Amino acid sequence: MARKSQVFITGATGYIGGAILLRLLEHPTFPTSEITALVRKADKVPEFESIGVKTLLGSYSDLELLENQAAQSDVVFACADADNVQACEAILKGLKKRHQATGTVPILIHTSGTGVLVDNAEGMYAYDTIWDDMNPDQLETLPDTQLHRNVDLMVIAADNEGYARTHIVLPSTIYGFATGKLVDLGIQNPRSIQIPKLVEVSIVRKRGGMVGEGLNRWPNVHIDDIADLYIVLYDATLEGKAGHGREGLYFGENGEHVLKDISVKIAEALNDLGVSDSREPTSFDQQDYSRPENRFIRYLGTNSRCKANRARALGWKPRFTTDDMLKSVKDEG
């Protein structure tokens, strides 16, 4: 009997990781693969086993566990904490051991984010630069101090050393509710972070809100489209057709929005519900920023602008647009 391909996925209970796992279960390679998911809570194990997925009980703090599992893996989908240096080191160490023991070159598909492109606009302007994932020379001008960049550089370095073929997916603002059997089984978180957070803060202040004047721009992508991107990339890696290393960064976007446009949609929805007496958003104030649960919201005033040319060149065809995203805002409350 032929040896099954060993696939290891982290973050499988999360919004992105769960959507990828759902597609791996339906993938033509599933019968010839053995998928192992890193799972933090023992009560989730039976649900994973019921869908034919092995589990490894632990977290990104269990570095030896990560290293050992990566050392047994042909493919790793890293979909948990994009900024965890030690966890990334452990996975890379394991992949290096895999290469040394077998002579094969394992595949790593690492999840980062277009947060690597952000500035400090605080909602007051949009910058002009459009980052192009087909232009590695441009991407290499990103400062090492940018969000996510330190881990991304470790992943690229592993490819340069030749012991792994590495690919980095950089989702933008993801929206939409994840659906499918992982959600139905209670395995997967079905919701995103950015837009729901903006809604949550606006409900508390009883008026739509934005950072500064809300003039900053971000790309967006639907959860189903970004999950499909991972599978298009996976197929291309198995065929040896996917750019990797410094030519292996894949933005996930299908249009962009101005922050204020989302805030207006929230303001209108709150007004329709009788929560707010205004259909226009206002700038967050110091009282909004000072709430401990709102530490994240200044980040929503940054710019991040890019084009997902590399994924499209592989055949990725996202279906949902910025108009779909804006229509979905009212459902995020």
C-alpha atoms as a PDB file:
ATOM      1  CA  MET A   1       0.000   0.000   0.000  1.00  0.00           C
ATOM      2  CA  ALA A   2       1.394   3.402  -1.028  1.00  0.00           C
ATOM      3  CA  ARG A   3       2.410   5.777   1.741  1.00  0.00           C
ATOM      4  CA  LYS A   4      -0.105   8.543   2.258  1.00  0.00           C
ATOM      5  CA  SER A   5       0.989  12.161   1.869  1.00  0.00           C
ATOM      6  CA  GLN A   6       1.294  13.721   5.321  1.00  0.00           C
ATOM      7  CA  VAL A   7      -0.487  17.077   5.610  1.00  0.00           C
ATOM      8  CA  PHE A   8      -0.271  19.131   8.815  1.00  0.00           C
ATOM      9  CA  ILE A   9      -2.557  22.127   9.393  1.00  0.00           C
ATOM     10  CA  THR A  10      -2.500  24.642  12.232  1.00  0.00           C
ATOM     11  CA  GLY A  11      -5.359  27.021  12.999  1.00  0.00           C
ATOM     12  CA  ALA A  12      -7.935  24.517  11.748  1.00  0.00           C
ATOM     13  CA  THR A  13     -10.562  25.736  14.232  1.00  0.00           C
ATOM     14  CA  GLY A  14     -10.091  29.295  12.990  1.00  0.00           C
ATOM     15  CA  TYR A  15     -11.871  31.325  10.351  1.00  0.00           C
ATOM     16  CA  ILE A  16      -9.250  30.846   7.620  1.00  0.00           C
ATOM     17  CA  GLY A  17      -7.827  27.465   8.637  1.00  0.00           C
ATOM     18  CA  GLY A  18     -11.249  25.880   8.930  1.00  0.00           C
ATOM     19  CA  ALA A  19     -12.248  27.085   5.470  1.00  0.00           C
ATOM     20  CA  ILE A  20      -9.044  25.590   4.041  1.00  0.00           C
ATOM     21  CA  LEU A  21      -9.538  22.286   5.880  1.00  0.00           C
ATOM     22  CA  LEU A  22     -13.094  22.033   4.525  1.00  0.00           C
ATOM     23  CA  ARG A  23     -11.694  22.252   0.999  1.00  0.00           C
ATOM     24  CA  LEU A  24      -8.913  19.758   1.723  1.00  0.00           C
ATOM     25  CA  LEU A  25     -11.572  17.252   2.808  1.00  0.00           C
ATOM     26  CA  GLU A  26     -13.219  17.665  -0.601  1.00  0.00           C
ATOM     27  CA  HIS A  27      -9.942  17.717  -2.542  1.00  0.00           C
ATOM     28  CA  PRO A  28      -9.063  14.918  -5.007  1.00  0.00           C
ATOM     29  CA  THR A  29      -5.930  14.182  -2.933  1.00  0.00           C
ATOM     30  CA  PHE A  30      -7.881  13.510   0.276  1.00  0.00           C
ATOM     31  CA  PRO A  31      -8.067   9.698  -0.178  1.00  0.00           C
ATOM     32  CA  THR A  32      -4.276   9.568  -0.596  1.00  0.00           C
ATOM     33  CA  SER A  33      -3.511  12.030   2.209  1.00  0.00           C
ATOM     34  CA  GLU A  34      -3.434  11.830   5.975  1.00  0.00           C
ATOM     35  CA  ILE A  35      -4.380  15.192   7.475  1.00  0.00           C
ATOM     36  CA  THR A  36      -3.353  16.081  11.023  1.00  0.00           C
ATOM     37  CA  ALA A  37      -4.748  19.197  12.709  1.00  0.00           C
ATOM     38  CA  LEU A  38      -3.200  20.964  15.692  1.00  0.00           C
ATOM     39  CA  VAL A  39      -6.027  21.263  18.234  1.00  0.00           C
ATOM     40  CA  ARG A  40      -5.902  23.086  21.557  1.00  0.00           C
ATOM     41  CA  LYS A  41      -9.026  21.639  23.177  1.00  0.00           C
ATOM     42  CA  ALA A  42      -9.498  17.912  23.748  1.00  0.00           C
ATOM     43  CA  ASP A  43     -13.285  18.215  23.427  1.00  0.00           C
ATOM     44  CA  LYS A  44     -12.838  19.047  19.710  1.00  0.00           C
ATOM     45  CA  VAL A  45     -10.960  15.802  18.993  1.00  0.00           C
ATOM     46  CA  PRO A  46     -14.028  13.561  18.392  1.00  0.00           C
ATOM     47  CA  GLU A  47     -15.463  16.037  15.865  1.00  0.00           C
ATOM     48  CA  PHE A  48     -12.202  16.050  13.904  1.00  0.00           C
ATOM     49  CA  GLU A  49     -12.012  12.262  13.987  1.00  0.00           C
ATOM     50  CA  SER A  50     -15.599  12.051  12.727  1.00  0.00           C
ATOM     51  CA  ILE A  51     -14.546  13.782   9.486  1.00  0.00           C
ATOM     52  CA  GLY A  52     -11.405  11.698   9.017  1.00  0.00           C
ATOM     53  CA  VAL A  53      -8.844  14.148  10.365  1.00  0.00           C
ATOM     54  CA  LYS A  54      -6.185  13.105  12.882  1.00  0.00           C
ATOM     55  CA  THR A  55      -5.449  15.487  15.736  1.00  0.00           C
ATOM     56  CA  LEU A  56      -2.396  16.663  17.607  1.00  0.00           C
ATOM     57  CA  LEU A  57      -3.349  18.090  20.984  1.00  0.00           C
ATOM     58  CA  GLY A  58      -1.363  21.235  21.660  1.00  0.00           C
ATOM     59  CA  SER A  59      -0.771  24.863  20.718  1.00  0.00           C
ATOM     60  CA  TYR A  60       1.864  27.197  19.265  1.00  0.00           C
ATOM     61  CA  SER A  61       3.512  27.163  22.696  1.00  0.00           C
ATOM     62  CA  ASP A  62       4.372  23.456  22.300  1.00  0.00           C
ATOM     63  CA  LEU A  63       7.468  23.960  20.195  1.00  0.00           C
ATOM     64  CA  GLU A  64       8.824  20.419  20.373  1.00  0.00           C
ATOM     65  CA  LEU A  65       5.435  19.076  19.323  1.00  0.00           C
ATOM     66  CA  LEU A  66       5.347  21.431  16.329  1.00  0.00           C
ATOM     67  CA  GLU A  67       8.877  20.509  15.283  1.00  0.00           C
ATOM     68  CA  ASN A  68       8.221  16.770  15.535  1.00  0.00           C
ATOM     69  CA  GLN A  69       4.995  16.961  13.525  1.00  0.00           C
ATOM     70  CA  ALA A  70       6.567  19.151  10.832  1.00  0.00           C
ATOM     71  CA  ALA A  71       9.431  16.633  10.609  1.00  0.00           C
ATOM     72  CA  GLN A  72       6.852  13.995   9.604  1.00  0.00           C
ATOM     73  CA  SER A  73       5.009  16.211   7.116  1.00  0.00           C
ATOM     74  CA  ASP A  74       5.109  16.587   3.352  1.00  0.00           C
ATOM     75  CA  VAL A  75       2.931  19.688   3.422  1.00  0.00           C
ATOM     76  CA  VAL A  76       2.286  22.201   6.220  1.00  0.00           C
ATOM     77  CA  PHE A  77      -0.515  24.775   6.167  1.00  0.00           C
ATOM     78  CA  ALA A  78       0.337  27.309   8.896  1.00  0.00           C
ATOM     79  CA  CYS A  79      -2.887  29.210   9.577  1.00  0.00           C
ATOM     80  CA  ALA A  80      -2.556  30.290  13.205  1.00  0.00           C
ATOM     81  CA  ASP A  81      -0.587  33.210  14.709  1.00  0.00           C
ATOM     82  CA  ALA A  82       1.211  34.978  11.828  1.00  0.00           C
ATOM     83  CA  ASP A  83       3.581  36.742  14.242  1.00  0.00           C
ATOM     84  CA  ASN A  84       4.734  33.832  16.401  1.00  0.00           C
ATOM     85  CA  VAL A  85       8.477  33.668  15.736  1.00  0.00           C
ATOM     86  CA  GLN A  86       9.150  30.651  17.947  1.00  0.00           C
ATOM     87  CA  ALA A  87       6.347  28.578  16.426  1.00  0.00           C
ATOM     88  CA  CYS A  88       7.581  29.400  12.936  1.00  0.00           C
ATOM     89  CA  GLU A  89      11.149  28.459  13.936  1.00  0.00           C
ATOM     90  CA  ALA A  90       9.905  25.126  15.299  1.00  0.00           C
ATOM     91  CA  ILE A  91       7.982  24.308  12.112  1.00  0.00           C
ATOM     92  CA  LEU A  92      10.977  25.233   9.954  1.00  0.00           C
ATOM     93  CA  LYS A  93      13.315  23.129  12.093  1.00  0.00           C
ATOM     94  CA  GLY A  94      10.981  20.181  11.601  1.00  0.00           C
ATOM     95  CA  LEU A  95      10.822  20.691   7.846  1.00  0.00           C
ATOM     96  CA  LYS A  96      14.629  20.846   7.730  1.00  0.00           C
ATOM     97  CA  LYS A  97      14.778  17.513   9.560  1.00  0.00           C
ATOM     98  CA  ARG A  98      12.283  16.119   7.054  1.00  0.00           C
ATOM     99  CA  HIS A  99      14.521  17.193   4.189  1.00  0.00           C
ATOM    100  CA  GLN A 100      17.673  15.811   5.816  1.00  0.00           C
ATOM    101  CA  ALA A 101      16.026  12.469   6.586  1.00  0.00           C
ATOM    102  CA  THR A 102      14.268  11.889   3.246  1.00  0.00           C
ATOM    103  CA  GLY A 103      15.984  14.069   0.653  1.00  0.00           C
ATOM    104  CA  THR A 104      12.564  15.424  -0.319  1.00  0.00           C
ATOM    105  CA  VAL A 105      11.673  19.123  -0.192  1.00  0.00           C
ATOM    106  CA  PRO A 106       8.531  19.586   1.923  1.00  0.00           C
ATOM    107  CA  ILE A 107       6.025  22.367   1.199  1.00  0.00           C
ATOM    108  CA  LEU A 108       5.087  25.166   3.607  1.00  0.00           C
ATOM    109  CA  ILE A 109       2.067  27.391   2.930  1.00  0.00           C
ATOM    110  CA  HIS A 110       2.276  30.105   5.570  1.00  0.00           C
ATOM    111  CA  THR A 111      -0.450  32.630   6.401  1.00  0.00           C
ATOM    112  CA  SER A 112       0.642  36.247   6.804  1.00  0.00           C
ATOM    113  CA  GLY A 113      -1.485  39.269   5.873  1.00  0.00           C
ATOM    114  CA  THR A 114      -1.546  42.536   3.957  1.00  0.00           C
ATOM    115  CA  GLY A 115      -0.987  44.183   7.344  1.00  0.00           C
ATOM    116  CA  VAL A 116       2.655  43.953   6.273  1.00  0.00           C
ATOM    117  CA  LEU A 117       1.909  46.929   3.983  1.00  0.00           C
ATOM    118  CA  VAL A 118       0.412  49.292   6.567  1.00  0.00           C
ATOM    119  CA  ASP A 119       1.372  52.861   7.358  1.00  0.00           C
ATOM    120  CA  ASN A 120       0.293  55.201  10.164  1.00  0.00           C
ATOM    121  CA  ALA A 121      -2.360  57.237   8.299  1.00  0.00           C
ATOM    122  CA  GLU A 122      -4.864  57.255  11.180  1.00  0.00           C
ATOM    123  CA  GLY A 123      -7.624  57.578   8.609  1.00  0.00           C
ATOM    124  CA  MET A 124      -6.429  60.923   7.256  1.00  0.00           C
ATOM    125  CA  TYR A 125      -5.295  59.948   3.750  1.00  0.00           C
ATOM    126  CA  ALA A 126      -4.772  57.113   1.283  1.00  0.00           C
ATOM    127  CA  TYR A 127      -1.229  56.416   0.117  1.00  0.00           C
ATOM    128  CA  ASP A 128      -0.539  55.980  -3.615  1.00  0.00           C
ATOM    129  CA  THR A 129       1.654  52.869  -3.642  1.00  0.00           C
ATOM    130  CA  ILE A 130       0.051  49.701  -5.017  1.00  0.00           C
ATOM    131  CA  TRP A 131       2.119  46.689  -3.927  1.00  0.00           C
ATOM    132  CA  ASP A 132       2.414  44.002  -6.601  1.00  0.00           C
ATOM    133  CA  ASP A 133       3.050  40.401  -5.577  1.00  0.00           C
ATOM    134  CA  MET A 134       4.609  39.728  -8.996  1.00  0.00           C
ATOM    135  CA  ASN A 135       7.321  42.254  -8.171  1.00  0.00           C
ATOM    136  CA  PRO A 136       9.669  40.739  -5.571  1.00  0.00           C
ATOM    137  CA  ASP A 137      12.111  43.639  -5.956  1.00  0.00           C
ATOM    138  CA  GLN A 138       9.379  46.034  -4.816  1.00  0.00           C
ATOM    139  CA  LEU A 139       8.336  43.753  -1.942  1.00  0.00           C
ATOM    140  CA  GLU A 140      11.926  43.539  -0.736  1.00  0.00           C
ATOM    141  CA  THR A 141      11.848  47.301  -0.060  1.00  0.00           C
ATOM    142  CA  LEU A 142       9.413  46.665   2.804  1.00  0.00           C
ATOM    143  CA  PRO A 143      11.166  47.497   6.093  1.00  0.00           C
ATOM    144  CA  ASP A 144      11.995  44.492   8.277  1.00  0.00           C
ATOM    145  CA  THR A 145      10.083  46.258  11.068  1.00  0.00           C
ATOM    146  CA  GLN A 146       6.697  46.033   9.290  1.00  0.00           C
ATOM    147  CA  LEU A 147       3.979  43.918  10.906  1.00  0.00           C
ATOM    148  CA  HIS A 148       4.394  40.195  10.034  1.00  0.00           C
ATOM    149  CA  ARG A 149       7.613  40.891   8.112  1.00  0.00           C
ATOM    150  CA  ASN A 150      10.049  39.232  10.544  1.00  0.00           C
ATOM    151  CA  VAL A 151       8.248  35.885  10.262  1.00  0.00           C
ATOM    152  CA  ASP A 152       7.747  36.246   6.504  1.00  0.00           C
ATOM    153  CA  LEU A 153      11.511  36.722   6.086  1.00  0.00           C
ATOM    154  CA  MET A 154      12.189  33.534   8.070  1.00  0.00           C
ATOM    155  CA  VAL A 155       9.864  31.616   5.752  1.00  0.00           C
ATOM    156  CA  ILE A 156      11.550  33.039   2.638  1.00  0.00           C
ATOM    157  CA  ALA A 157      15.011  32.261   4.065  1.00  0.00           C
ATOM    158  CA  ALA A 158      14.042  28.590   4.468  1.00  0.00           C
ATOM    159  CA  ASP A 159      13.274  28.434   0.755  1.00  0.00           C
ATOM    160  CA  ASN A 160      16.575  30.137  -0.054  1.00  0.00           C
ATOM    161  CA  GLU A 161      18.384  27.456   1.933  1.00  0.00           C
ATOM    162  CA  GLY A 162      16.663  24.797  -0.168  1.00  0.00           C
ATOM    163  CA  TYR A 163      15.228  22.527   2.513  1.00  0.00           C
ATOM    164  CA  ALA A 164      11.606  23.627   1.968  1.00  0.00           C
ATOM    165  CA  ARG A 165       9.496  25.147  -0.778  1.00  0.00           C
ATOM    166  CA  THR A 166       7.761  28.032   0.914  1.00  0.00           C
ATOM    167  CA  HIS A 167       4.718  30.057  -0.089  1.00  0.00           C
ATOM    168  CA  ILE A 168       3.147  32.923   1.831  1.00  0.00           C
ATOM    169  CA  VAL A 169      -0.518  33.870   1.492  1.00  0.00           C
ATOM    170  CA  LEU A 170      -1.349  37.414   2.596  1.00  0.00           C
ATOM    171  CA  PRO A 171      -5.118  37.844   3.061  1.00  0.00           C
ATOM    172  CA  SER A 172      -6.537  41.366   3.280  1.00  0.00           C
ATOM    173  CA  THR A 173      -9.781  42.368   5.039  1.00  0.00           C
ATOM    174  CA  ILE A 174     -11.709  39.086   4.990  1.00  0.00           C
ATOM    175  CA  TYR A 175     -15.480  39.217   5.231  1.00  0.00           C
ATOM    176  CA  GLY A 176     -18.506  36.941   5.064  1.00  0.00           C
ATOM    177  CA  PHE A 177     -19.632  34.060   7.251  1.00  0.00           C
ATOM    178  CA  ALA A 178     -17.828  30.750   6.881  1.00  0.00           C
ATOM    179  CA  THR A 179     -20.230  27.870   6.236  1.00  0.00           C
ATOM    180  CA  GLY A 180     -20.041  24.097   5.885  1.00  0.00           C
ATOM    181  CA  LYS A 181     -19.732  21.023   8.031  1.00  0.00           C
ATOM    182  CA  LEU A 182     -16.877  22.329  10.193  1.00  0.00           C
ATOM    183  CA  VAL A 183     -19.059  25.240  11.268  1.00  0.00           C
ATOM    184  CA  ASP A 184     -22.032  22.894  11.688  1.00  0.00           C
ATOM    185  CA  LEU A 185     -19.962  20.601  13.932  1.00  0.00           C
ATOM    186  CA  GLY A 186     -18.813  23.545  16.067  1.00  0.00           C
ATOM    187  CA  ILE A 187     -15.188  23.074  14.988  1.00  0.00           C
ATOM    188  CA  GLN A 188     -14.659  26.325  13.086  1.00  0.00           C
ATOM    189  CA  ASN A 189     -15.021  29.989  14.053  1.00  0.00           C
ATOM    190  CA  PRO A 190     -17.332  31.363  11.331  1.00  0.00           C
ATOM    191  CA  ARG A 191     -16.561  35.083  11.711  1.00  0.00           C
ATOM    192  CA  SER A 192     -13.862  37.555  10.757  1.00  0.00           C
ATOM    193  CA  ILE A 193     -12.303  40.234  12.974  1.00  0.00           C
ATOM    194  CA  GLN A 194     -11.960  43.654  11.341  1.00  0.00           C
ATOM    195  CA  ILE A 195     -15.495  44.575  10.235  1.00  0.00           C
ATOM    196  CA  PRO A 196     -17.200  42.909  13.243  1.00  0.00           C
ATOM    197  CA  LYS A 197     -14.888  44.916  15.524  1.00  0.00           C
ATOM    198  CA  LEU A 198     -15.866  48.150  13.799  1.00  0.00           C
ATOM    199  CA  VAL A 199     -19.531  47.194  14.254  1.00  0.00           C
ATOM    200  CA  GLU A 200     -19.007  46.290  17.918  1.00  0.00           C
ATOM    201  CA  VAL A 201     -17.310  49.603  18.744  1.00  0.00           C
ATOM    202  CA  SER A 202     -20.015  51.531  16.875  1.00  0.00           C
ATOM    203  CA  ILE A 203     -22.815  49.772  18.778  1.00  0.00           C
ATOM    204  CA  VAL A 204     -21.210  50.705  22.119  1.00  0.00           C
ATOM    205  CA  ARG A 205     -20.890  54.391  21.119  1.00  0.00           C
ATOM    206  CA  LYS A 206     -24.390  54.295  19.533  1.00  0.00           C
ATOM    207  CA  ARG A 207     -23.135  55.786  16.287  1.00  0.00           C
ATOM    208  CA  GLY A 208     -21.125  54.618  13.297  1.00  0.00           C
ATOM    209  CA  GLY A 209     -17.447  55.340  13.833  1.00  0.00           C
ATOM    210  CA  MET A 210     -14.183  55.592  11.937  1.00  0.00           C
ATOM    211  CA  VAL A 211     -10.534  56.362  12.547  1.00  0.00           C
ATOM    212  CA  GLY A 212      -9.879  59.999  11.665  1.00  0.00           C
ATOM    213  CA  GLU A 213     -11.741  60.911   8.492  1.00  0.00           C
ATOM    214  CA  GLY A 214     -11.874  57.316   7.265  1.00  0.00           C
ATOM    215  CA  LEU A 215      -9.972  58.169   4.072  1.00  0.00           C
ATOM    216  CA  ASN A 216      -7.558  55.231   4.245  1.00  0.00           C
ATOM    217  CA  ARG A 217      -7.859  52.287   1.844  1.00  0.00           C
ATOM    218  CA  TRP A 218      -7.655  48.528   2.305  1.00  0.00           C
ATOM    219  CA  PRO A 219      -8.177  45.579  -0.025  1.00  0.00           C
ATOM    220  CA  ASN A 220     -10.877  43.023   0.774  1.00  0.00           C
ATOM    221  CA  VAL A 221     -11.642  39.391  -0.002  1.00  0.00           C
ATOM    222  CA  HIS A 222     -14.511  37.030   0.797  1.00  0.00           C
ATOM    223  CA  ILE A 223     -13.759  34.041   3.043  1.00  0.00           C
ATOM    224  CA  ASP A 224     -14.728  31.586   0.278  1.00  0.00           C
ATOM    225  CA  ASP A 225     -12.484  33.310  -2.248  1.00  0.00           C
ATOM    226  CA  ILE A 226      -9.436  33.403   0.038  1.00  0.00           C
ATOM    227  CA  ALA A 227      -9.893  29.737   0.956  1.00  0.00           C
ATOM    228  CA  ASP A 228     -10.102  28.915  -2.751  1.00  0.00           C
ATOM    229  CA  LEU A 229      -6.827  30.784  -3.283  1.00  0.00           C
ATOM    230  CA  TYR A 230      -5.071  28.384  -0.894  1.00  0.00           C
ATOM    231  CA  ILE A 231      -6.369  25.418  -2.881  1.00  0.00           C
ATOM    232  CA  VAL A 232      -5.367  26.917  -6.248  1.00  0.00           C
ATOM    233  CA  LEU A 233      -1.913  27.456  -4.740  1.00  0.00           C
ATOM    234  CA  TYR A 234      -1.847  23.940  -3.260  1.00  0.00           C
ATOM    235  CA  ASP A 235      -2.661  22.426  -6.654  1.00  0.00           C
ATOM    236  CA  ALA A 236       0.058  24.500  -8.283  1.00  0.00           C
ATOM    237  CA  THR A 237       2.636  23.495  -5.669  1.00  0.00           C
ATOM    238  CA  LEU A 238       1.850  19.809  -6.198  1.00  0.00           C
ATOM    239  CA  GLU A 239       2.400  20.334  -9.929  1.00  0.00           C
ATOM    240  CA  GLY A 240       5.606  22.301  -9.300  1.00  0.00           C
ATOM    241  CA  LYS A 241       4.142  25.365 -11.011  1.00  0.00           C
ATOM    242  CA  ALA A 242       3.878  27.786  -8.088  1.00  0.00           C
ATOM    243  CA  GLY A 243       6.375  30.546  -7.464  1.00  0.00           C
ATOM    244  CA  HIS A 244       8.093  30.069  -4.101  1.00  0.00           C
ATOM    245  CA  GLY A 245      10.536  31.820  -1.794  1.00  0.00           C
ATOM    246  CA  ARG A 246      10.977  35.481  -2.772  1.00  0.00           C
ATOM    247  CA  GLU A 247       8.645  34.805  -5.715  1.00  0.00           C
ATOM    248  CA  GLY A 248       6.117  33.037  -3.527  1.00  0.00           C
ATOM    249  CA  LEU A 249       4.101  35.817  -1.883  1.00  0.00           C
ATOM    250  CA  TYR A 250       0.405  35.740  -2.793  1.00  0.00           C
ATOM    251  CA  PHE A 251      -1.850  38.645  -1.881  1.00  0.00           C
ATOM    252  CA  GLY A 252      -5.536  37.871  -1.368  1.00  0.00           C
ATOM    253  CA  GLU A 253      -7.738  40.707  -2.640  1.00  0.00           C
ATOM    254  CA  ASN A 254     -10.569  41.342  -5.060  1.00  0.00           C
ATOM    255  CA  GLY A 255     -10.982  45.100  -4.855  1.00  0.00           C
ATOM    256  CA  GLU A 256     -10.462  47.740  -2.211  1.00  0.00           C
ATOM    257  CA  HIS A 257     -12.549  50.031  -0.045  1.00  0.00           C
ATOM    258  CA  VAL A 258     -12.293  53.325   1.781  1.00  0.00           C
ATOM    259  CA  LEU A 259     -12.801  52.851   5.530  1.00  0.00           C
ATOM    260  CA  LYS A 260     -15.517  55.514   5.596  1.00  0.00           C
ATOM    261  CA  ASP A 261     -17.656  53.501   3.173  1.00  0.00           C
ATOM    262  CA  ILE A 262     -17.875  50.674   5.716  1.00  0.00           C
ATOM    263  CA  SER A 263     -18.525  53.120   8.550  1.00  0.00           C
ATOM    264  CA  VAL A 264     -21.399  54.707   6.596  1.00  0.00           C
ATOM    265  CA  LYS A 265     -22.988  51.273   6.099  1.00  0.00           C
ATOM    266  CA  ILE A 266     -22.690  50.616   9.847  1.00  0.00           C
ATOM    267  CA  ALA A 267     -24.167  54.024  10.677  1.00  0.00           C
ATOM    268  CA  GLU A 268     -27.106  53.401   8.348  1.00  0.00           C
ATOM    269  CA  ALA A 269     -27.761  49.962   9.845  1.00  0.00           C
ATOM    270  CA  LEU A 270     -27.655  51.324  13.410  1.00  0.00           C
ATOM    271  CA  ASN A 271     -30.034  54.096  12.439  1.00  0.00           C
ATOM    272  CA  ASP A 272     -32.437  51.604  10.850  1.00  0.00           C
ATOM    273  CA  LEU A 273     -32.366  49.581  14.076  1.00  0.00           C
ATOM    274  CA  GLY A 274     -33.026  52.642  16.219  1.00  0.00           C
ATOM    275  CA  VAL A 275     -29.636  52.348  17.959  1.00  0.00           C
ATOM    276  CA  SER A 276     -28.371  55.632  16.494  1.00  0.00           C
ATOM    277  CA  ASP A 277     -30.114  58.888  15.534  1.00  0.00           C
ATOM    278  CA  SER A 278     -27.668  59.546  12.679  1.00  0.00           C
ATOM    279  CA  ARG A 279     -26.881  57.887   9.351  1.00  0.00           C
ATOM    280  CA  GLU A 280     -23.428  59.492   9.225  1.00  0.00           C
ATOM    281  CA  PRO A 281     -20.355  58.163  11.070  1.00  0.00           C
ATOM    282  CA  THR A 282     -18.116  60.325  13.233  1.00  0.00           C
ATOM    283  CA  SER A 283     -14.444  59.991  14.156  1.00  0.00           C
ATOM    284  CA  PHE A 284     -13.560  57.858  17.149  1.00  0.00           C
ATOM    285  CA  ASP A 285     -12.524  60.000  20.116  1.00  0.00           C
ATOM    286  CA  GLN A 286     -10.195  59.437  23.016  1.00  0.00           C
ATOM    287  CA  GLN A 287     -12.950  57.787  25.041  1.00  0.00           C
ATOM    288  CA  ASP A 288     -13.376  55.207  22.261  1.00  0.00           C
ATOM    289  CA  TYR A 289      -9.626  54.565  21.988  1.00  0.00           C
ATOM    290  CA  SER A 290      -9.139  54.332  25.759  1.00  0.00           C
ATOM    291  CA  ARG A 291     -11.434  51.337  26.203  1.00  0.00           C
ATOM    292  CA  PRO A 292      -9.198  48.267  26.763  1.00  0.00           C
ATOM    293  CA  GLU A 293     -11.212  46.184  24.296  1.00  0.00           C
ATOM    294  CA  ASN A 294     -10.550  48.793  21.575  1.00  0.00           C
ATOM    295  CA  ARG A 295      -6.743  48.632  21.460  1.00  0.00           C
ATOM    296  CA  PHE A 296      -7.035  47.243  17.951  1.00  0.00           C
ATOM    297  CA  ILE A 297      -9.123  49.996  16.339  1.00  0.00           C
ATOM    298  CA  ARG A 298      -6.358  52.504  15.473  1.00  0.00           C
ATOM    299  CA  TYR A 299      -5.037  49.800  13.151  1.00  0.00           C
ATOM    300  CA  LEU A 300      -8.266  50.169  11.149  1.00  0.00           C
ATOM    301  CA  GLY A 301      -7.069  53.640  10.104  1.00  0.00           C
ATOM    302  CA  THR A 302      -4.014  52.337   8.239  1.00  0.00           C
ATOM    303  CA  ASN A 303      -3.541  51.936   4.497  1.00  0.00           C
ATOM    304  CA  SER A 304      -2.813  48.635   2.778  1.00  0.00           C
ATOM    305  CA  ARG A 305      -3.012  48.603  -1.017  1.00  0.00           C
ATOM    306  CA  CYS A 306      -2.064  45.748  -3.326  1.00  0.00           C
ATOM    307  CA  LYS A 307      -2.963  43.600  -6.330  1.00  0.00           C
ATOM    308  CA  ALA A 308      -3.213  39.802  -6.229  1.00  0.00           C
ATOM    309  CA  ASN A 309      -1.607  39.294  -9.626  1.00  0.00           C
ATOM    310  CA  ARG A 310       0.376  36.171  -8.730  1.00  0.00           C
ATOM    311  CA  ALA A 311      -2.622  34.130  -7.563  1.00  0.00           C
ATOM    312  CA  ARG A 312      -4.646  35.206 -10.591  1.00  0.00           C
ATOM    313  CA  ALA A 313      -1.782  34.046 -12.823  1.00  0.00           C
ATOM    314  CA  LEU A 314      -2.211  30.572 -11.282  1.00  0.00           C
ATOM    315  CA  GLY A 315      -5.894  30.583 -12.201  1.00  0.00           C
ATOM    316  CA  TRP A 316      -7.490  31.998  -9.045  1.00  0.00           C
ATOM    317  CA  LYS A 317     -10.855  33.550  -9.939  1.00  0.00           C
ATOM    318  CA  PRO A 318     -12.386  35.362  -6.956  1.00  0.00           C
ATOM    319  CA  ARG A 319     -16.136  35.925  -7.305  1.00  0.00           C
ATOM    320  CA  PHE A 320     -17.086  38.418  -4.594  1.00  0.00           C
ATOM    321  CA  THR A 321     -16.463  42.158  -5.002  1.00  0.00           C
ATOM    322  CA  THR A 322     -16.219  45.278  -2.842  1.00  0.00           C
ATOM    323  CA  ASP A 323     -19.942  45.863  -3.502  1.00  0.00           C
ATOM    324  CA  ASP A 324     -20.656  42.425  -1.993  1.00  0.00           C
ATOM    325  CA  MET A 325     -18.545  43.351   1.019  1.00  0.00           C
ATOM    326  CA  LEU A 326     -20.419  46.621   1.580  1.00  0.00           C
ATOM    327  CA  LYS A 327     -23.774  44.839   1.245  1.00  0.00           C
ATOM    328  CA  SER A 328     -22.662  42.293   3.868  1.00  0.00           C
ATOM    329  CA  VAL A 329     -21.850  44.886   6.568  1.00  0.00           C
ATOM    330  CA  LYS A 330     -25.429  45.032   7.905  1.00  0.00           C
ATOM    331  CA  ASP A 331     -25.255  41.303   8.722  1.00  0.00           C
ATOM    332  CA  GLU A 332     -22.118  41.649  10.867  1.00  0.00           C
ATOM    333  CA  GLY A 333     -23.874  43.035  13.963  1.00  0.00           C
END
